[in-house]
Amino acid sequence: MESDSIPAGRGAANDLRLEAVTKRFGDFTAVDDLDLAVTRGSFFALLGPSGCGKTTTLRMIAGLEQPTSGRILINGVDVAGVKPYRRPVNTVFQSYALFPHLTIAENVAFGLRRRGVRDVRRQVDEMLELVELRNQAEKKPNQLSGGQQQRVALARALINKPEVLLLDEPLGALDLRLRRQMQLELKEIQSEVGLTFVHVTHDQEEAMTMADTIAVMNRGVIEQMGSPEELYENPRTTFVANFLGHSNLIDAEIVGNTGPHVELNVHGNRISVDRARASVQQGRVWLGVRPEKVCISDASESVAAETNVIDGGTVSDVSFVGVSTQYLVRMPWGQELSVFEQNTGEHRLFARQTAVRLYWKPSHAFVLGHDQDARAGQEELR
């Protein structure tokens, strides 16, 4: 029986591309003029808070929603308007959606049998071997754990050999320990099969653990897209800085921008930042530095000459969390800065009310435009 799906192409045309895609529901714009390119064979994550448009984007790729305008290209073919079953995609949902009356092997074989494929046993065995469930083939779904059921859903999608596998919050129903285990397993499976995975999640750690590329979405648009390291180390908006981890954002003003650094006045302190990490290079700005990049020392202790130093801090709170000690330090201008110090045993713990100084390297900070809200992205994490 011939397949009625769109045939697979070759080369760069196999990229998934969205061009000027907009989706409106009445007066509400869920996705706004979105451009996106996903490289063939990569693990791509759409990350953002509830209501940001990431699930709507996934549903448009799957064909479960149609764009108001724009193009969705798979294998170089515009599939906007094409029926879901004719697209070379499969979706794995959070709910698993397994058939309770079928065995695990029958669940995995379902898509092939529906297309008229007769000899499915070998392919089913290969898929169950891939997800390490071959010895569970004759069981029913209710006899498996949540993590095992998720792997069955994954095998059922992969056996159809889609060009793009869509993952809609697939680990959301699992407990924390199992979710972390499945993150590693999913990434390993993706690397082995070499298919394009597009993963929707609101979990920052999940996206950073698995994805080659992350697109951070907010209010229907992409705030920033890049590798996990790039987004974390050099965010380009306050939303990304706050949503992807935690950032100290300090009111500052650029007073010099010659040479390899930009120079800032931070409440009377001269602070340097690598030029490549400054998205704006004049005027009033937000100086950003991640808590784990900030070092803390006794007020009288000397530090390396090439570091940025701010004196006059007072420890206002101390939390021992095992791998690190987390401090809140009240600065002379009234702001509390977060400091995460790894518990290596090399430094003493500082008690509340201790006078301290904070310091960090110029390569560990970043500069953002002051026209952005310093609290953007924080409310989504509550």
Protein backbone atom coordinates (compact mmCIF):
# COMPACT_ATOMS: atom_id res chain seq x y z
CA MET A 1 0.00 0.00 0.00
CA GLU A 2 1.42 3.40 -0.94
CA SER A 3 1.85 6.01 1.78
CA ASP A 4 -0.38 9.07 1.41
CA SER A 5 2.00 11.25 3.43
CA ILE A 6 4.31 13.88 2.01
CA PRO A 7 7.51 12.12 0.86
CA ALA A 8 10.79 12.72 2.63
CA GLY A 9 13.23 14.99 0.86
CA ARG A 10 17.02 15.18 0.97
CA GLY A 11 19.60 17.62 2.31
CA ALA A 12 18.98 21.06 3.70
CA ALA A 13 15.38 21.06 2.47
CA ASN A 14 14.57 18.72 5.33
CA ASP A 15 14.81 21.60 7.77
CA LEU A 16 11.56 22.54 9.47
CA ARG A 17 10.88 26.19 8.70
CA LEU A 18 8.23 28.64 9.85
CA GLU A 19 7.99 31.85 7.87
CA ALA A 20 6.00 34.85 9.19
CA VAL A 21 3.56 32.51 10.98
CA THR A 22 0.76 34.23 12.87
CA LYS A 23 -2.12 32.61 14.75
CA ARG A 24 -5.05 34.62 16.04
CA PHE A 25 -8.00 33.45 18.10
CA GLY A 26 -10.49 36.27 17.64
CA ASP A 27 -8.83 39.43 18.95
CA PHE A 28 -6.07 37.48 20.72
CA THR A 29 -2.76 36.91 18.91
CA ALA A 30 -1.22 33.67 20.22
CA VAL A 31 1.71 33.60 17.78
CA ASP A 32 2.91 36.82 16.15
CA ASP A 33 4.84 36.85 12.84
CA LEU A 34 7.10 33.96 13.87
CA ASP A 35 10.19 33.00 11.86
CA LEU A 36 11.91 29.78 12.83
CA ALA A 37 14.37 27.32 11.29
CA VAL A 38 15.11 23.92 12.83
CA THR A 39 18.12 22.05 11.48
CA ARG A 40 17.57 18.47 10.37
CA GLY A 41 18.54 15.92 13.01
CA SER A 42 18.71 18.41 15.88
CA PHE A 43 16.98 18.47 19.26
CA PHE A 44 15.10 21.77 19.35
CA ALA A 45 13.17 23.17 22.33
CA LEU A 46 10.43 25.78 22.45
CA LEU A 47 10.66 27.13 25.99
CA GLY A 48 8.41 29.61 27.73
CA PRO A 49 5.72 30.20 30.34
CA SER A 50 2.08 29.21 29.97
CA GLY A 51 0.34 31.27 27.32
CA CYS A 52 3.51 32.27 25.44
CA GLY A 53 2.45 30.53 22.20
CA LYS A 54 4.76 27.51 22.25
CA THR A 55 2.01 24.85 22.30
CA THR A 56 0.04 26.69 19.62
CA THR A 57 3.19 26.70 17.48
CA LEU A 58 3.61 22.95 17.96
CA ARG A 59 -0.04 22.32 17.12
CA MET A 60 0.32 24.30 13.89
CA ILE A 61 3.34 22.19 12.89
CA ALA A 62 1.32 19.05 13.66
CA GLY A 63 -1.69 20.32 11.68
CA LEU A 64 -3.99 20.41 14.72
CA GLU A 65 -4.29 24.18 14.27
CA GLN A 66 -4.04 26.17 11.05
CA PRO A 67 -2.05 29.43 10.93
CA THR A 68 -3.93 32.65 10.30
CA SER A 69 -1.10 33.61 7.95
CA GLY A 70 2.42 32.48 7.07
CA ARG A 71 4.07 29.29 5.83
CA ILE A 72 5.12 26.05 7.54
CA LEU A 73 7.62 24.09 5.47
CA ILE A 74 8.68 20.47 6.05
CA ASN A 75 10.96 18.89 3.45
CA GLY A 76 10.74 22.23 1.65
CA VAL A 77 6.96 21.78 1.16
CA ASP A 78 4.43 24.22 2.62
CA VAL A 79 2.13 22.05 4.74
CA ALA A 80 -0.17 24.81 5.99
CA GLY A 81 -3.63 23.45 5.21
CA VAL A 82 -2.39 19.85 4.78
CA LYS A 83 -4.24 17.27 6.92
CA PRO A 84 -2.32 16.14 10.04
CA TYR A 85 -2.13 12.48 8.92
CA ARG A 86 -0.52 13.53 5.62
CA ARG A 87 2.33 15.40 7.29
CA PRO A 88 5.65 13.61 7.97
CA VAL A 89 5.34 14.27 11.70
CA ASN A 90 4.25 12.41 14.81
CA THR A 91 3.40 13.83 18.23
CA VAL A 92 4.07 12.47 21.70
CA PHE A 93 1.73 13.99 24.28
CA GLN A 94 2.01 14.32 28.05
CA SER A 95 -1.01 12.02 28.45
CA TYR A 96 0.68 9.13 26.51
CA ALA A 97 -2.68 8.27 24.83
CA LEU A 98 -1.95 4.53 24.79
CA PHE A 99 -4.70 2.03 23.98
CA PRO A 100 -5.41 0.23 27.30
CA HIS A 101 -6.88 -2.91 25.66
CA LEU A 102 -3.80 -3.51 23.45
CA THR A 103 -0.47 -5.00 24.48
CA ILE A 104 2.66 -2.90 24.38
CA ALA A 105 3.71 -4.52 21.11
CA GLU A 106 0.26 -3.91 19.59
CA ASN A 107 0.35 -0.27 20.68
CA VAL A 108 3.71 0.23 19.02
CA ALA A 109 2.55 -1.55 15.84
CA PHE A 110 -0.71 0.40 15.59
CA GLY A 111 0.45 3.06 13.14
CA LEU A 112 2.09 0.56 10.79
CA ARG A 113 -0.94 -1.75 10.75
CA ARG A 114 -3.22 1.21 10.09
CA ARG A 115 -1.15 2.00 6.99
CA GLY A 116 -1.48 -1.61 5.79
CA VAL A 117 2.03 -2.80 6.65
CA ARG A 118 1.79 -6.56 7.24
CA ASP A 119 5.13 -7.78 8.57
CA VAL A 120 5.65 -5.47 11.56
CA ARG A 121 7.23 -7.77 14.11
CA ARG A 122 10.85 -6.95 13.29
CA GLN A 123 10.24 -3.21 13.37
CA VAL A 124 8.30 -3.46 16.63
CA ASP A 125 11.10 -5.49 18.22
CA GLU A 126 13.66 -2.92 17.09
CA MET A 127 11.66 -0.06 18.57
CA LEU A 128 11.08 -1.85 21.87
CA GLU A 129 14.79 -2.65 21.99
CA LEU A 130 15.57 1.03 21.42
CA VAL A 131 13.44 2.10 24.40
CA GLU A 132 14.56 -0.92 26.48
CA LEU A 133 11.11 -2.49 26.75
CA ARG A 134 11.41 -5.64 24.64
CA ASN A 135 10.75 -7.86 27.65
CA GLN A 136 7.50 -5.94 28.34
CA ALA A 137 6.00 -6.52 24.87
CA GLU A 138 3.03 -8.64 25.98
CA LYS A 139 2.00 -6.52 28.95
CA LYS A 140 -0.82 -3.97 28.95
CA PRO A 141 -0.13 -0.27 29.56
CA ASN A 142 -1.61 -0.30 33.08
CA GLN A 143 1.05 -2.85 34.06
CA LEU A 144 3.87 -0.38 33.35
CA SER A 145 5.20 2.61 35.25
CA GLY A 146 4.67 6.16 34.01
CA GLY A 147 8.19 6.31 32.62
CA GLN A 148 7.74 3.02 30.78
CA GLN A 149 4.42 4.17 29.32
CA GLN A 150 6.12 7.33 28.06
CA ARG A 151 8.76 5.20 26.32
CA VAL A 152 5.99 3.12 24.69
CA ALA A 153 4.41 6.33 23.37
CA LEU A 154 7.81 7.36 22.04
CA ALA A 155 8.36 3.99 20.32
CA ARG A 156 4.88 4.16 18.76
CA ALA A 157 5.73 7.56 17.26
CA LEU A 158 9.26 6.65 16.13
CA ILE A 159 8.26 3.46 14.33
CA ASN A 160 6.47 5.58 11.71
CA LYS A 161 9.83 7.18 10.84
CA PRO A 162 8.59 10.79 10.88
CA GLU A 163 10.79 13.58 9.54
CA VAL A 164 9.94 15.57 12.68
CA LEU A 165 8.94 14.21 16.09
CA LEU A 166 6.91 16.68 18.16
CA LEU A 167 7.05 16.39 21.95
CA ASP A 168 4.30 18.26 23.81
CA GLU A 169 5.37 18.53 27.49
CA PRO A 170 6.06 14.76 27.36
CA LEU A 171 7.58 14.50 30.85
CA GLY A 172 5.16 16.74 32.73
CA ALA A 173 3.27 13.89 34.41
CA LEU A 174 6.39 12.23 35.84
CA ASP A 175 7.90 12.81 39.27
CA LEU A 176 11.14 14.78 39.53
CA ARG A 177 13.53 11.80 39.76
CA LEU A 178 11.94 9.96 36.84
CA ARG A 179 11.68 13.15 34.81
CA ARG A 180 15.42 13.74 35.09
CA GLN A 181 16.14 10.14 34.12
CA MET A 182 13.85 10.41 31.09
CA GLN A 183 15.54 13.66 30.00
CA LEU A 184 18.81 11.80 29.57
CA GLU A 185 17.11 8.83 27.90
CA LEU A 186 15.23 11.02 25.43
CA LYS A 187 18.41 12.82 24.42
CA GLU A 188 20.23 9.51 23.99
CA ILE A 189 17.41 8.10 21.84
CA GLN A 190 17.33 11.24 19.70
CA SER A 191 21.06 11.01 19.11
CA GLU A 192 20.74 7.35 18.15
CA VAL A 193 17.85 7.70 15.69
CA GLY A 194 19.05 11.03 14.26
CA LEU A 195 15.55 12.45 13.77
CA THR A 196 14.53 16.07 14.30
CA PHE A 197 12.89 16.48 17.72
CA VAL A 198 10.88 19.61 18.54
CA HIS A 199 10.17 19.71 22.24
CA VAL A 200 7.72 22.08 23.97
CA THR A 201 8.32 22.73 27.67
CA HIS A 202 8.06 25.37 30.37
CA ASP A 203 10.86 23.68 32.36
CA GLN A 204 14.15 25.53 31.91
CA GLU A 205 16.32 22.71 33.25
CA GLU A 206 14.59 20.22 30.95
CA ALA A 207 15.24 22.36 27.88
CA MET A 208 18.87 23.01 28.79
CA THR A 209 19.54 19.33 29.55
CA MET A 210 18.26 17.99 26.22
CA ALA A 211 18.19 20.66 23.52
CA ASP A 212 20.88 21.61 21.02
CA THR A 213 18.99 24.84 20.36
CA ILE A 214 16.41 26.64 22.49
CA ALA A 215 13.93 29.29 21.38
CA VAL A 216 12.67 31.26 24.39
CA MET A 217 9.13 32.44 23.67
CA ASN A 218 7.19 35.24 25.33
CA ARG A 219 3.82 36.64 24.31
CA GLY A 220 3.81 34.99 20.91
CA VAL A 221 7.32 35.98 19.81
CA ILE A 222 10.82 34.56 20.20
CA GLU A 223 12.82 36.63 22.67
CA GLN A 224 16.10 34.88 21.88
CA MET A 225 17.26 31.68 20.20
CA GLY A 226 20.56 29.85 20.54
CA SER A 227 22.43 27.11 22.37
CA PRO A 228 21.67 26.60 26.08
CA GLU A 229 25.11 27.98 26.97
CA GLU A 230 24.67 31.07 24.79
CA LEU A 231 21.25 31.92 26.22
CA TYR A 232 22.36 31.42 29.80
CA GLU A 233 25.74 33.11 29.63
CA ASN A 234 24.79 36.00 27.36
CA PRO A 235 21.06 36.75 27.49
CA ARG A 236 19.91 39.58 25.24
CA THR A 237 16.74 40.55 27.12
CA THR A 238 15.76 40.87 30.77
CA PHE A 239 13.03 38.27 30.17
CA VAL A 240 15.58 35.65 29.08
CA ALA A 241 17.97 36.63 31.89
CA ASN A 242 15.26 36.09 34.51
CA PHE A 243 13.34 33.18 32.99
CA LEU A 244 16.38 31.05 32.18
CA GLY A 245 17.91 30.81 35.64
CA HIS A 246 18.33 33.74 38.00
CA SER A 247 20.10 37.04 37.44
CA ASN A 248 21.15 40.02 39.51
CA LEU A 249 20.19 43.10 37.47
CA ILE A 250 21.76 46.31 38.75
CA ASP A 251 21.02 49.88 37.65
CA ALA A 252 24.17 51.27 35.98
CA GLU A 253 25.43 53.80 33.44
CA ILE A 254 28.03 53.31 30.72
CA VAL A 255 30.83 55.88 31.11
CA GLY A 256 33.38 54.50 28.63
CA ASN A 257 33.49 52.07 25.71
CA THR A 258 36.99 52.07 24.29
CA GLY A 259 39.15 48.95 24.14
CA PRO A 260 37.96 45.41 24.87
CA HIS A 261 35.63 46.46 27.69
CA VAL A 262 32.77 48.83 28.35
CA GLU A 263 33.12 50.74 31.61
CA LEU A 264 30.15 51.29 33.89
CA ASN A 265 29.39 53.46 36.88
CA VAL A 266 27.51 51.24 39.33
CA HIS A 267 26.45 53.40 42.25
CA GLY A 268 29.88 55.00 42.42
CA ASN A 269 31.84 51.83 41.59
CA ARG A 270 33.83 51.45 38.35
CA ILE A 271 32.85 48.14 36.72
CA SER A 272 34.16 46.55 33.49
CA VAL A 273 32.27 44.18 31.18
CA ASP A 274 33.57 42.44 28.05
CA ARG A 275 32.39 44.41 25.02
CA ALA A 276 30.94 41.28 23.36
CA ARG A 277 28.62 40.85 26.33
CA ALA A 278 27.13 44.35 26.12
CA SER A 279 24.00 44.49 23.95
CA VAL A 280 24.00 48.29 24.33
CA GLN A 281 27.10 50.43 24.72
CA GLN A 282 25.95 53.81 25.90
CA GLY A 283 23.58 55.43 28.36
CA ARG A 284 21.71 53.96 31.28
CA VAL A 285 21.70 50.14 31.38
CA TRP A 286 21.10 47.04 33.45
CA LEU A 287 24.28 45.30 34.57
CA GLY A 288 23.57 41.58 34.87
CA VAL A 289 25.55 38.92 36.69
CA ARG A 290 24.48 35.38 37.60
CA PRO A 291 24.59 34.52 41.34
CA GLU A 292 27.06 31.66 40.87
CA LYS A 293 29.46 34.02 39.06
CA VAL A 294 29.63 36.37 42.05
CA CYS A 295 32.33 35.68 44.64
CA ILE A 296 32.00 36.73 48.26
CA SER A 297 34.80 37.52 50.70
CA ASP A 298 35.47 39.20 54.01
CA ALA A 299 35.49 42.97 53.67
CA SER A 300 39.22 43.10 54.48
CA GLU A 301 40.30 40.28 52.12
CA SER A 302 42.27 41.22 49.00
CA VAL A 303 41.13 40.01 45.57
CA ALA A 304 42.71 39.73 42.12
CA ALA A 305 43.41 43.06 40.42
CA GLU A 306 41.47 42.23 37.22
CA THR A 307 38.15 41.61 38.95
CA ASN A 308 35.24 43.95 39.53
CA VAL A 309 34.87 44.71 43.23
CA ILE A 310 32.01 46.28 45.16
CA ASP A 311 32.52 46.94 48.86
CA GLY A 312 30.05 47.75 51.59
CA GLY A 313 27.81 44.69 51.42
CA THR A 314 26.14 43.12 54.44
CA VAL A 315 24.91 39.52 54.53
CA SER A 316 21.15 39.65 55.10
CA ASP A 317 20.26 35.97 54.62
CA VAL A 318 22.07 32.62 54.44
CA SER A 319 20.64 29.34 53.08
CA PHE A 320 22.67 26.10 53.10
CA VAL A 321 21.31 23.90 50.28
CA GLY A 322 23.90 21.11 50.17
CA VAL A 323 25.93 21.71 47.02
CA SER A 324 25.99 25.45 47.60
CA THR A 325 25.37 28.16 50.15
CA GLN A 326 23.05 30.89 48.92
CA TYR A 327 23.50 34.38 50.28
CA LEU A 328 21.49 37.55 50.03
CA VAL A 329 23.78 40.56 50.38
CA ARG A 330 22.35 44.02 50.97
CA MET A 331 24.35 46.61 49.08
CA PRO A 332 24.92 50.25 50.13
CA TRP A 333 22.23 51.46 47.68
CA GLY A 334 19.63 49.16 49.28
CA GLN A 335 19.41 46.37 46.67
CA GLU A 336 19.85 42.75 47.75
CA LEU A 337 22.09 40.69 45.46
CA SER A 338 22.10 36.88 45.31
CA VAL A 339 25.35 34.94 45.65
CA PHE A 340 25.58 31.16 45.20
CA GLU A 341 28.88 29.78 46.51
CA GLN A 342 29.74 26.14 45.91
CA ASN A 343 30.46 24.23 49.10
CA THR A 344 33.99 23.07 48.32
CA GLY A 345 35.22 23.62 51.86
CA GLU A 346 37.73 26.23 50.70
CA HIS A 347 35.83 29.19 52.14
CA ARG A 348 34.20 29.80 55.48
CA LEU A 349 30.48 30.42 55.82
CA PHE A 350 29.44 34.01 56.40
CA ALA A 351 26.84 34.67 59.08
CA ARG A 352 24.08 37.25 58.84
CA GLN A 353 25.18 40.85 59.37
CA THR A 354 28.76 40.07 58.29
CA ALA A 355 30.40 42.88 56.29
CA VAL A 356 31.51 41.49 52.92
CA ARG A 357 32.72 42.50 49.48
CA LEU A 358 31.49 41.05 46.20
CA TYR A 359 33.61 40.55 43.09
CA TRP A 360 33.47 38.91 39.65
CA LYS A 361 35.33 38.79 36.34
CA PRO A 362 34.47 41.21 33.48
CA SER A 363 33.75 38.14 31.31
CA HIS A 364 31.07 36.94 33.75
CA ALA A 365 28.65 39.86 33.45
CA PHE A 366 26.39 41.20 30.70
CA VAL A 367 24.74 44.51 29.84
CA LEU A 368 21.12 45.02 28.77
CA GLY A 369 19.12 48.07 27.73
CA HIS A 370 17.49 49.99 30.55
CA ASP A 371 14.27 50.36 28.54
CA GLN A 372 13.45 46.76 29.48
CA ASP A 373 11.62 45.76 32.65
CA ALA A 374 14.11 44.35 35.17
CA ARG A 375 11.36 42.09 36.55
CA ALA A 376 10.35 40.59 33.19
CA GLY A 377 10.24 36.81 33.39
CA GLN A 378 10.24 36.70 37.19
CA GLU A 379 6.47 36.52 37.64
CA GLU A 380 6.30 33.47 35.35
CA LEU A 381 8.51 31.53 37.77
CA ARG A 382 6.32 31.94 40.85
